[in-house]
Amino acid sequence: MKETVMYSKVTTITNPSGLHARPAAVFVKAASDFASKVTLRKNEDGAPERDAKSILMVMGMGLGVGSEVEISAEGTDEQEAVDALVALIESGCGE
């Protein structure tokens, strides 16, 4: 069995209103399309990782425009998941 190593990238929230309900829902749906475990963490000391497939967890993070976040994934499609989610954040989540 192949051992997986977590893959992650840091990006910045670009939506003028942050990751509020609609873009958070788009992000969570996209994260849920991947088999890997996906987490989201505000890129600051002591910030906990949150389940990126949970709308309540993502919205509870209070991510505003300019917030730097780390997206991590662990599993069979981890690199694809992280790269796609970073691209989604950087595109403004469709807004």
PDB file of N, CA and C in Angstrom:
ATOM      1  N   MET A   1       0.838  -1.190   0.000  1.00  0.00           N
ATOM      2  CA  MET A   1       0.000   0.000   0.000  1.00  0.00           C
ATOM      3  C   MET A   1       0.880   1.249   0.000  1.00  0.00           C
ATOM      4  N   LYS A   2       0.540   2.197  -0.838  1.00  0.00           N
ATOM      5  CA  LYS A   2       1.301   3.436  -0.951  1.00  0.00           C
ATOM      6  C   LYS A   2       1.017   4.331   0.253  1.00  0.00           C
ATOM      7  N   GLU A   3       2.077   4.820   0.855  1.00  0.00           N
ATOM      8  CA  GLU A   3       1.914   5.742   1.980  1.00  0.00           C
ATOM      9  C   GLU A   3       1.651   7.134   1.427  1.00  0.00           C
ATOM     10  N   THR A   4       0.640   7.810   1.956  1.00  0.00           N
ATOM     11  CA  THR A   4       0.334   9.151   1.469  1.00  0.00           C
ATOM     12  C   THR A   4       0.987  10.199   2.360  1.00  0.00           C
ATOM     13  N   VAL A   5       1.396  11.266   1.765  1.00  0.00           N
ATOM     14  CA  VAL A   5       1.976  12.397   2.471  1.00  0.00           C
ATOM     15  C   VAL A   5       1.078  13.588   2.200  1.00  0.00           C
ATOM     16  N   MET A   6       0.697  14.286   3.255  1.00  0.00           N
ATOM     17  CA  MET A   6      -0.219  15.408   3.092  1.00  0.00           C
ATOM     18  C   MET A   6       0.365  16.473   2.159  1.00  0.00           C
ATOM     19  N   TYR A   7      -0.471  17.005   1.305  1.00  0.00           N
ATOM     20  CA  TYR A   7      -0.094  18.042   0.338  1.00  0.00           C
ATOM     21  C   TYR A   7      -0.852  19.296   0.733  1.00  0.00           C
ATOM     22  N   SER A   8      -0.190  20.457   0.721  1.00  0.00           N
ATOM     23  CA  SER A   8      -0.891  21.688   1.094  1.00  0.00           C
ATOM     24  C   SER A   8      -0.321  22.887   0.355  1.00  0.00           C
ATOM     25  N   LYS A   9      -1.147  23.926   0.302  1.00  0.00           N
ATOM     26  CA  LYS A   9      -0.751  25.207  -0.298  1.00  0.00           C
ATOM     27  C   LYS A   9      -1.428  26.323   0.483  1.00  0.00           C
ATOM     28  N   VAL A  10      -0.815  27.487   0.426  1.00  0.00           N
ATOM     29  CA  VAL A  10      -1.368  28.678   1.069  1.00  0.00           C
ATOM     30  C   VAL A  10      -1.890  29.606  -0.018  1.00  0.00           C
ATOM     31  N   THR A  11      -3.053  30.206   0.239  1.00  0.00           N
ATOM     32  CA  THR A  11      -3.634  31.166  -0.690  1.00  0.00           C
ATOM     33  C   THR A  11      -4.354  32.244   0.111  1.00  0.00           C
ATOM     34  N   THR A  12      -4.868  33.248  -0.590  1.00  0.00           N
ATOM     35  CA  THR A  12      -5.531  34.381   0.064  1.00  0.00           C
ATOM     36  C   THR A  12      -6.951  34.528  -0.462  1.00  0.00           C
ATOM     37  N   ILE A  13      -7.891  34.763   0.450  1.00  0.00           N
ATOM     38  CA  ILE A  13      -9.297  34.977   0.080  1.00  0.00           C
ATOM     39  C   ILE A  13      -9.391  36.278  -0.709  1.00  0.00           C
ATOM     40  N   THR A  14      -9.992  36.212  -1.903  1.00  0.00           N
ATOM     41  CA  THR A  14     -10.085  37.393  -2.770  1.00  0.00           C
ATOM     42  C   THR A  14     -11.494  37.985  -2.848  1.00  0.00           C
ATOM     43  N   ASN A  15     -12.508  37.239  -2.406  1.00  0.00           N
ATOM     44  CA  ASN A  15     -13.881  37.767  -2.458  1.00  0.00           C
ATOM     45  C   ASN A  15     -13.986  39.032  -1.617  1.00  0.00           C
ATOM     46  N   PRO A  16     -14.553  40.106  -2.150  1.00  0.00           N
ATOM     47  CA  PRO A  16     -14.697  41.337  -1.374  1.00  0.00           C
ATOM     48  C   PRO A  16     -15.456  41.128  -0.059  1.00  0.00           C
ATOM     49  N   SER A  17     -16.399  40.188  -0.040  1.00  0.00           N
ATOM     50  CA  SER A  17     -17.165  39.936   1.187  1.00  0.00           C
ATOM     51  C   SER A  17     -16.678  38.684   1.915  1.00  0.00           C
ATOM     52  N   GLY A  18     -15.521  38.168   1.533  1.00  0.00           N
ATOM     53  CA  GLY A  18     -14.958  37.007   2.217  1.00  0.00           C
ATOM     54  C   GLY A  18     -15.636  35.706   1.814  1.00  0.00           C
ATOM     55  N   LEU A  19     -15.426  34.692   2.632  1.00  0.00           N
ATOM     56  CA  LEU A  19     -15.993  33.372   2.351  1.00  0.00           C
ATOM     57  C   LEU A  19     -17.322  33.259   3.105  1.00  0.00           C
ATOM     58  N   HIS A  20     -18.302  34.061   2.678  1.00  0.00           N
ATOM     59  CA  HIS A  20     -19.630  34.037   3.296  1.00  0.00           C
ATOM     60  C   HIS A  20     -20.429  32.862   2.737  1.00  0.00           C
ATOM     61  N   ALA A  21     -21.713  32.808   2.997  1.00  0.00           N
ATOM     62  CA  ALA A  21     -22.531  31.621   2.709  1.00  0.00           C
ATOM     63  C   ALA A  21     -22.402  31.059   1.293  1.00  0.00           C
ATOM     64  N   ARG A  22     -22.597  31.862   0.293  1.00  0.00           N
ATOM     65  CA  ARG A  22     -22.587  31.336  -1.087  1.00  0.00           C
ATOM     66  C   ARG A  22     -21.209  30.808  -1.507  1.00  0.00           C
ATOM     67  N   PRO A  23     -20.133  31.616  -1.401  1.00  0.00           N
ATOM     68  CA  PRO A  23     -18.831  31.063  -1.789  1.00  0.00           C
ATOM     69  C   PRO A  23     -18.375  29.916  -0.878  1.00  0.00           C
ATOM     70  N   ALA A  24     -18.761  29.953   0.385  1.00  0.00           N
ATOM     71  CA  ALA A  24     -18.410  28.844   1.285  1.00  0.00           C
ATOM     72  C   ALA A  24     -19.094  27.563   0.820  1.00  0.00           C
ATOM     73  N   ALA A  25     -20.344  27.668   0.398  1.00  0.00           N
ATOM     74  CA  ALA A  25     -21.078  26.499  -0.101  1.00  0.00           C
ATOM     75  C   ALA A  25     -20.432  25.955  -1.374  1.00  0.00           C
ATOM     76  N   VAL A  26     -20.002  26.848  -2.267  1.00  0.00           N
ATOM     77  CA  VAL A  26     -19.323  26.434  -3.499  1.00  0.00           C
ATOM     78  C   VAL A  26     -18.016  25.722  -3.145  1.00  0.00           C
ATOM     79  N   PHE A  27     -17.277  26.272  -2.198  1.00  0.00           N
ATOM     80  CA  PHE A  27     -16.003  25.686  -1.778  1.00  0.00           C
ATOM     81  C   PHE A  27     -16.217  24.301  -1.162  1.00  0.00           C
ATOM     82  N   VAL A  28     -17.175  24.181  -0.245  1.00  0.00           N
ATOM     83  CA  VAL A  28     -17.448  22.904   0.429  1.00  0.00           C
ATOM     84  C   VAL A  28     -17.906  21.850  -0.570  1.00  0.00           C
ATOM     85  N   LYS A  29     -18.754  22.233  -1.524  1.00  0.00           N
ATOM     86  CA  LYS A  29     -19.205  21.278  -2.545  1.00  0.00           C
ATOM     87  C   LYS A  29     -18.017  20.781  -3.352  1.00  0.00           C
ATOM     88  N   ALA A  30     -17.133  21.696  -3.747  1.00  0.00           N
ATOM     89  CA  ALA A  30     -15.952  21.306  -4.523  1.00  0.00           C
ATOM     90  C   ALA A  30     -15.045  20.386  -3.704  1.00  0.00           C
ATOM     91  N   ALA A  31     -14.838  20.710  -2.429  1.00  0.00           N
ATOM     92  CA  ALA A  31     -13.994  19.879  -1.565  1.00  0.00           C
ATOM     93  C   ALA A  31     -14.586  18.482  -1.410  1.00  0.00           C
ATOM     94  N   SER A  32     -15.913  18.417  -1.343  1.00  0.00           N
ATOM     95  CA  SER A  32     -16.605  17.135  -1.157  1.00  0.00           C
ATOM     96  C   SER A  32     -16.516  16.231  -2.377  1.00  0.00           C
ATOM     97  N   ASP A  33     -16.163  16.788  -3.526  1.00  0.00           N
ATOM     98  CA  ASP A  33     -16.027  15.991  -4.745  1.00  0.00           C
ATOM     99  C   ASP A  33     -14.754  15.144  -4.762  1.00  0.00           C
ATOM    100  N   PHE A  34     -13.857  15.381  -3.808  1.00  0.00           N
ATOM    101  CA  PHE A  34     -12.596  14.644  -3.771  1.00  0.00           C
ATOM    102  C   PHE A  34     -12.633  13.554  -2.707  1.00  0.00           C
ATOM    103  N   ALA A  35     -11.924  12.460  -2.973  1.00  0.00           N
ATOM    104  CA  ALA A  35     -11.873  11.338  -2.035  1.00  0.00           C
ATOM    105  C   ALA A  35     -10.986  11.648  -0.830  1.00  0.00           C
ATOM    106  N   SER A  36     -10.000  12.494  -1.014  1.00  0.00           N
ATOM    107  CA  SER A  36      -9.050  12.815   0.049  1.00  0.00           C
ATOM    108  C   SER A  36      -9.719  13.557   1.204  1.00  0.00           C
ATOM    109  N   LYS A  37      -9.100  13.430   2.383  1.00  0.00           N
ATOM    110  CA  LYS A  37      -9.500  14.240   3.525  1.00  0.00           C
ATOM    111  C   LYS A  37      -8.963  15.643   3.251  1.00  0.00           C
ATOM    112  N   VAL A  38      -9.825  16.650   3.287  1.00  0.00           N
ATOM    113  CA  VAL A  38      -9.421  18.021   2.964  1.00  0.00           C
ATOM    114  C   VAL A  38      -9.658  18.905   4.184  1.00  0.00           C
ATOM    115  N   THR A  39      -8.643  19.700   4.536  1.00  0.00           N
ATOM    116  CA  THR A  39      -8.786  20.608   5.667  1.00  0.00           C
ATOM    117  C   THR A  39      -8.434  22.030   5.244  1.00  0.00           C
ATOM    118  N   LEU A  40      -8.956  22.973   6.013  1.00  0.00           N
ATOM    119  CA  LEU A  40      -8.749  24.396   5.774  1.00  0.00           C
ATOM    120  C   LEU A  40      -8.310  24.999   7.102  1.00  0.00           C
ATOM    121  N   ARG A  41      -7.287  25.843   7.063  1.00  0.00           N
ATOM    122  CA  ARG A  41      -6.780  26.467   8.281  1.00  0.00           C
ATOM    123  C   ARG A  41      -6.414  27.907   7.997  1.00  0.00           C
ATOM    124  N   LYS A  42      -6.872  28.810   8.873  1.00  0.00           N
ATOM    125  CA  LYS A  42      -6.454  30.210   8.762  1.00  0.00           C
ATOM    126  C   LYS A  42      -4.959  30.224   9.046  1.00  0.00           C
ATOM    127  N   ASN A  43      -4.196  30.856   8.188  1.00  0.00           N
ATOM    128  CA  ASN A  43      -2.737  30.802   8.265  1.00  0.00           C
ATOM    129  C   ASN A  43      -2.208  31.778   9.315  1.00  0.00           C
ATOM    130  N   GLU A  44      -2.439  31.428  10.592  1.00  0.00           N
ATOM    131  CA  GLU A  44      -1.901  32.228  11.690  1.00  0.00           C
ATOM    132  C   GLU A  44      -1.560  31.278  12.832  1.00  0.00           C
ATOM    133  N   ASP A  45      -0.680  31.690  13.694  1.00  0.00           N
ATOM    134  CA  ASP A  45      -0.223  30.836  14.785  1.00  0.00           C
ATOM    135  C   ASP A  45      -1.380  30.332  15.638  1.00  0.00           C
ATOM    136  N   GLY A  46      -1.401  29.029  15.869  1.00  0.00           N
ATOM    137  CA  GLY A  46      -2.394  28.430  16.750  1.00  0.00           C
ATOM    138  C   GLY A  46      -3.761  28.190  16.149  1.00  0.00           C
ATOM    139  N   ALA A  47      -3.964  28.573  14.901  1.00  0.00           N
ATOM    140  CA  ALA A  47      -5.277  28.368  14.277  1.00  0.00           C
ATOM    141  C   ALA A  47      -5.479  26.871  14.003  1.00  0.00           C
ATOM    142  N   PRO A  48      -6.652  26.338  14.382  1.00  0.00           N
ATOM    143  CA  PRO A  48      -6.896  24.910  14.170  1.00  0.00           C
ATOM    144  C   PRO A  48      -7.282  24.603  12.721  1.00  0.00           C
ATOM    145  N   GLU A  49      -7.029  23.364  12.318  1.00  0.00           N
ATOM    146  CA  GLU A  49      -7.502  22.890  11.012  1.00  0.00           C
ATOM    147  C   GLU A  49      -8.990  22.607  11.131  1.00  0.00           C
ATOM    148  N   ARG A  50      -9.726  22.883  10.074  1.00  0.00           N
ATOM    149  CA  ARG A  50     -11.161  22.615  10.027  1.00  0.00           C
ATOM    150  C   ARG A  50     -11.463  21.712   8.842  1.00  0.00           C
ATOM    151  N   ASP A  51     -12.514  20.937   8.962  1.00  0.00           N
ATOM    152  CA  ASP A  51     -12.961  20.054   7.886  1.00  0.00           C
ATOM    153  C   ASP A  51     -13.499  20.909   6.740  1.00  0.00           C
ATOM    154  N   ALA A  52     -12.821  20.862   5.594  1.00  0.00           N
ATOM    155  CA  ALA A  52     -13.216  21.688   4.448  1.00  0.00           C
ATOM    156  C   ALA A  52     -14.471  21.166   3.765  1.00  0.00           C
ATOM    157  N   LYS A  53     -14.971  20.015   4.197  1.00  0.00           N
ATOM    158  CA  LYS A  53     -16.191  19.447   3.610  1.00  0.00           C
ATOM    159  C   LYS A  53     -17.406  19.743   4.484  1.00  0.00           C
ATOM    160  N   SER A  54     -17.235  20.593   5.510  1.00  0.00           N
ATOM    161  CA  SER A  54     -18.324  20.964   6.422  1.00  0.00           C
ATOM    162  C   SER A  54     -18.634  22.454   6.293  1.00  0.00           C
ATOM    163  N   ILE A  55     -19.825  22.764   5.830  1.00  0.00           N
ATOM    164  CA  ILE A  55     -20.229  24.165   5.659  1.00  0.00           C
ATOM    165  C   ILE A  55     -20.183  24.915   6.991  1.00  0.00           C
ATOM    166  N   LEU A  56     -20.583  24.276   8.076  1.00  0.00           N
ATOM    167  CA  LEU A  56     -20.567  24.944   9.385  1.00  0.00           C
ATOM    168  C   LEU A  56     -19.145  25.256   9.829  1.00  0.00           C
ATOM    169  N   MET A  57     -18.233  24.324   9.601  1.00  0.00           N
ATOM    170  CA  MET A  57     -16.829  24.553   9.969  1.00  0.00           C
ATOM    171  C   MET A  57     -16.224  25.694   9.148  1.00  0.00           C
ATOM    172  N   VAL A  58     -16.475  25.695   7.844  1.00  0.00           N
ATOM    173  CA  VAL A  58     -15.890  26.716   6.970  1.00  0.00           C
ATOM    174  C   VAL A  58     -16.471  28.089   7.286  1.00  0.00           C
ATOM    175  N   MET A  59     -17.778  28.176   7.417  1.00  0.00           N
ATOM    176  CA  MET A  59     -18.394  29.478   7.713  1.00  0.00           C
ATOM    177  C   MET A  59     -18.014  29.977   9.099  1.00  0.00           C
ATOM    178  N   GLY A  60     -17.806  29.058  10.029  1.00  0.00           N
ATOM    179  CA  GLY A  60     -17.444  29.428  11.390  1.00  0.00           C
ATOM    180  C   GLY A  60     -16.041  30.011  11.520  1.00  0.00           C
ATOM    181  N   MET A  61     -15.260  29.909  10.465  1.00  0.00           N
ATOM    182  CA  MET A  61     -13.896  30.430  10.501  1.00  0.00           C
ATOM    183  C   MET A  61     -13.846  31.945  10.333  1.00  0.00           C
ATOM    184  N   GLY A  62     -14.911  32.544   9.833  1.00  0.00           N
ATOM    185  CA  GLY A  62     -14.959  33.997   9.656  1.00  0.00           C
ATOM    186  C   GLY A  62     -13.873  34.523   8.735  1.00  0.00           C
ATOM    187  N   LEU A  63     -13.756  33.921   7.567  1.00  0.00           N
ATOM    188  CA  LEU A  63     -12.701  34.299   6.628  1.00  0.00           C
ATOM    189  C   LEU A  63     -13.123  35.481   5.768  1.00  0.00           C
ATOM    190  N   GLY A  64     -12.460  36.608   5.974  1.00  0.00           N
ATOM    191  CA  GLY A  64     -12.755  37.804   5.209  1.00  0.00           C
ATOM    192  C   GLY A  64     -11.758  38.000   4.081  1.00  0.00           C
ATOM    193  N   VAL A  65     -12.009  39.014   3.260  1.00  0.00           N
ATOM    194  CA  VAL A  65     -11.089  39.316   2.165  1.00  0.00           C
ATOM    195  C   VAL A  65      -9.707  39.576   2.750  1.00  0.00           C
ATOM    196  N   GLY A  66      -8.690  39.010   2.109  1.00  0.00           N
ATOM    197  CA  GLY A  66      -7.323  39.165   2.568  1.00  0.00           C
ATOM    198  C   GLY A  66      -6.874  38.111   3.560  1.00  0.00           C
ATOM    199  N   SER A  67      -7.806  37.283   4.063  1.00  0.00           N
ATOM    200  CA  SER A  67      -7.422  36.210   4.980  1.00  0.00           C
ATOM    201  C   SER A  67      -6.555  35.206   4.237  1.00  0.00           C
ATOM    202  N   GLU A  68      -5.442  34.852   4.834  1.00  0.00           N
ATOM    203  CA  GLU A  68      -4.558  33.855   4.249  1.00  0.00           C
ATOM    204  C   GLU A  68      -4.936  32.502   4.839  1.00  0.00           C
ATOM    205  N   VAL A  69      -5.152  31.516   3.974  1.00  0.00           N
ATOM    206  CA  VAL A  69      -5.556  30.188   4.422  1.00  0.00           C
ATOM    207  C   VAL A  69      -4.633  29.123   3.844  1.00  0.00           C
ATOM    208  N   GLU A  70      -4.526  28.025   4.580  1.00  0.00           N
ATOM    209  CA  GLU A  70      -3.781  26.864   4.104  1.00  0.00           C
ATOM    210  C   GLU A  70      -4.787  25.753   3.823  1.00  0.00           C
ATOM    211  N   ILE A  71      -4.765  25.257   2.599  1.00  0.00           N
ATOM    212  CA  ILE A  71      -5.620  24.142   2.199  1.00  0.00           C
ATOM    213  C   ILE A  71      -4.734  22.908   2.146  1.00  0.00           C
ATOM    214  N   SER A  72      -5.127  21.866   2.867  1.00  0.00           N
ATOM    215  CA  SER A  72      -4.352  20.626   2.915  1.00  0.00           C
ATOM    216  C   SER A  72      -5.248  19.462   2.548  1.00  0.00           C
ATOM    217  N   ALA A  73      -4.647  18.445   1.972  1.00  0.00           N
ATOM    218  CA  ALA A  73      -5.389  17.223   1.652  1.00  0.00           C
ATOM    219  C   ALA A  73      -4.479  16.031   1.856  1.00  0.00           C
ATOM    220  N   GLU A  74      -5.100  14.920   2.210  1.00  0.00           N
ATOM    221  CA  GLU A  74      -4.377  13.679   2.384  1.00  0.00           C
ATOM    222  C   GLU A  74      -5.217  12.558   1.803  1.00  0.00           C
ATOM    223  N   GLY A  75      -4.667  11.877   0.808  1.00  0.00           N
ATOM    224  CA  GLY A  75      -5.395  10.785   0.172  1.00  0.00           C
ATOM    225  C   GLY A  75      -4.971  10.603  -1.274  1.00  0.00           C
ATOM    226  N   THR A  76      -5.731   9.814  -1.982  1.00  0.00           N
ATOM    227  CA  THR A  76      -5.360   9.412  -3.341  1.00  0.00           C
ATOM    228  C   THR A  76      -5.349  10.558  -4.341  1.00  0.00           C
ATOM    229  N   ASP A  77      -6.181  11.571  -4.127  1.00  0.00           N
ATOM    230  CA  ASP A  77      -6.245  12.699  -5.072  1.00  0.00           C
ATOM    231  C   ASP A  77      -5.880  14.022  -4.390  1.00  0.00           C
ATOM    232  N   GLU A  78      -4.971  13.953  -3.408  1.00  0.00           N
ATOM    233  CA  GLU A  78      -4.651  15.121  -2.585  1.00  0.00           C
ATOM    234  C   GLU A  78      -4.124  16.314  -3.373  1.00  0.00           C
ATOM    235  N   GLN A  79      -3.200  16.088  -4.300  1.00  0.00           N
ATOM    236  CA  GLN A  79      -2.632  17.215  -5.058  1.00  0.00           C
ATOM    237  C   GLN A  79      -3.692  17.838  -5.959  1.00  0.00           C
ATOM    238  N   GLU A  80      -4.477  17.011  -6.614  1.00  0.00           N
ATOM    239  CA  GLU A  80      -5.557  17.511  -7.477  1.00  0.00           C
ATOM    240  C   GLU A  80      -6.564  18.323  -6.654  1.00  0.00           C
ATOM    241  N   ALA A  81      -6.900  17.827  -5.462  1.00  0.00           N
ATOM    242  CA  ALA A  81      -7.866  18.512  -4.597  1.00  0.00           C
ATOM    243  C   ALA A  81      -7.354  19.888  -4.187  1.00  0.00           C
ATOM    244  N   VAL A  82      -6.135  19.931  -3.675  1.00  0.00           N
ATOM    245  CA  VAL A  82      -5.572  21.204  -3.205  1.00  0.00           C
ATOM    246  C   VAL A  82      -5.447  22.195  -4.354  1.00  0.00           C
ATOM    247  N   ASP A  83      -4.897  21.747  -5.475  1.00  0.00           N
ATOM    248  CA  ASP A  83      -4.722  22.651  -6.613  1.00  0.00           C
ATOM    249  C   ASP A  83      -6.057  23.206  -7.110  1.00  0.00           C
ATOM    250  N   ALA A  84      -7.082  22.359  -7.176  1.00  0.00           N
ATOM    251  CA  ALA A  84      -8.406  22.803  -7.633  1.00  0.00           C
ATOM    252  C   ALA A  84      -9.032  23.780  -6.643  1.00  0.00           C
ATOM    253  N   LEU A  85      -8.880  23.525  -5.350  1.00  0.00           N
ATOM    254  CA  LEU A  85      -9.484  24.398  -4.341  1.00  0.00           C
ATOM    255  C   LEU A  85      -8.753  25.733  -4.236  1.00  0.00           C
ATOM    256  N   VAL A  86      -7.437  25.719  -4.407  1.00  0.00           N
ATOM    257  CA  VAL A  86      -6.684  26.979  -4.440  1.00  0.00           C
ATOM    258  C   VAL A  86      -7.143  27.811  -5.640  1.00  0.00           C
ATOM    259  N   ALA A  87      -7.272  27.176  -6.801  1.00  0.00           N
ATOM    260  CA  ALA A  87      -7.735  27.883  -7.999  1.00  0.00           C
ATOM    261  C   ALA A  87      -9.138  28.447  -7.789  1.00  0.00           C
ATOM    262  N   LEU A  88      -9.994  27.697  -7.109  1.00  0.00           N
ATOM    263  CA  LEU A  88     -11.364  28.154  -6.839  1.00  0.00           C
ATOM    264  C   LEU A  88     -11.344  29.389  -5.941  1.00  0.00           C
ATOM    265  N   ILE A  89     -10.560  29.350  -4.865  1.00  0.00           N
ATOM    266  CA  ILE A  89     -10.441  30.510  -3.964  1.00  0.00           C
ATOM    267  C   ILE A  89      -9.899  31.709  -4.727  1.00  0.00           C
ATOM    268  N   GLU A  90      -8.855  31.490  -5.517  1.00  0.00           N
ATOM    269  CA  GLU A  90      -8.219  32.609  -6.217  1.00  0.00           C
ATOM    270  C   GLU A  90      -9.108  33.175  -7.320  1.00  0.00           C
ATOM    271  N   SER A  91     -10.099  32.399  -7.780  1.00  0.00           N
ATOM    272  CA  SER A  91     -11.039  32.899  -8.796  1.00  0.00           C
ATOM    273  C   SER A  91     -12.234  33.601  -8.157  1.00  0.00           C
ATOM    274  N   GLY A  92     -12.285  33.622  -6.816  1.00  0.00           N
ATOM    275  CA  GLY A  92     -13.399  34.264  -6.120  1.00  0.00           C
ATOM    276  C   GLY A  92     -14.585  33.365  -5.916  1.00  0.00           C
ATOM    277  N   CYS A  93     -14.420  32.077  -6.066  1.00  0.00           N
ATOM    278  CA  CYS A  93     -15.496  31.085  -5.860  1.00  0.00           C
ATOM    279  C   CYS A  93     -16.722  31.374  -6.716  1.00  0.00           C
ATOM    280  N   GLY A  94     -16.483  31.815  -7.922  1.00  0.00           N
ATOM    281  CA  GLY A  94     -17.593  32.016  -8.853  1.00  0.00           C
ATOM    282  C   GLY A  94     -18.353  33.312  -8.682  1.00  0.00           C
ATOM    283  N   GLU A  95     -17.855  34.207  -7.844  1.00  0.00           N
ATOM    284  CA  GLU A  95     -18.563  35.485  -7.653  1.00  0.00           C
ATOM    285  C   GLU A  95     -17.883  36.589  -8.415  1.00  0.00           C
TER     286      GLU A  95
END
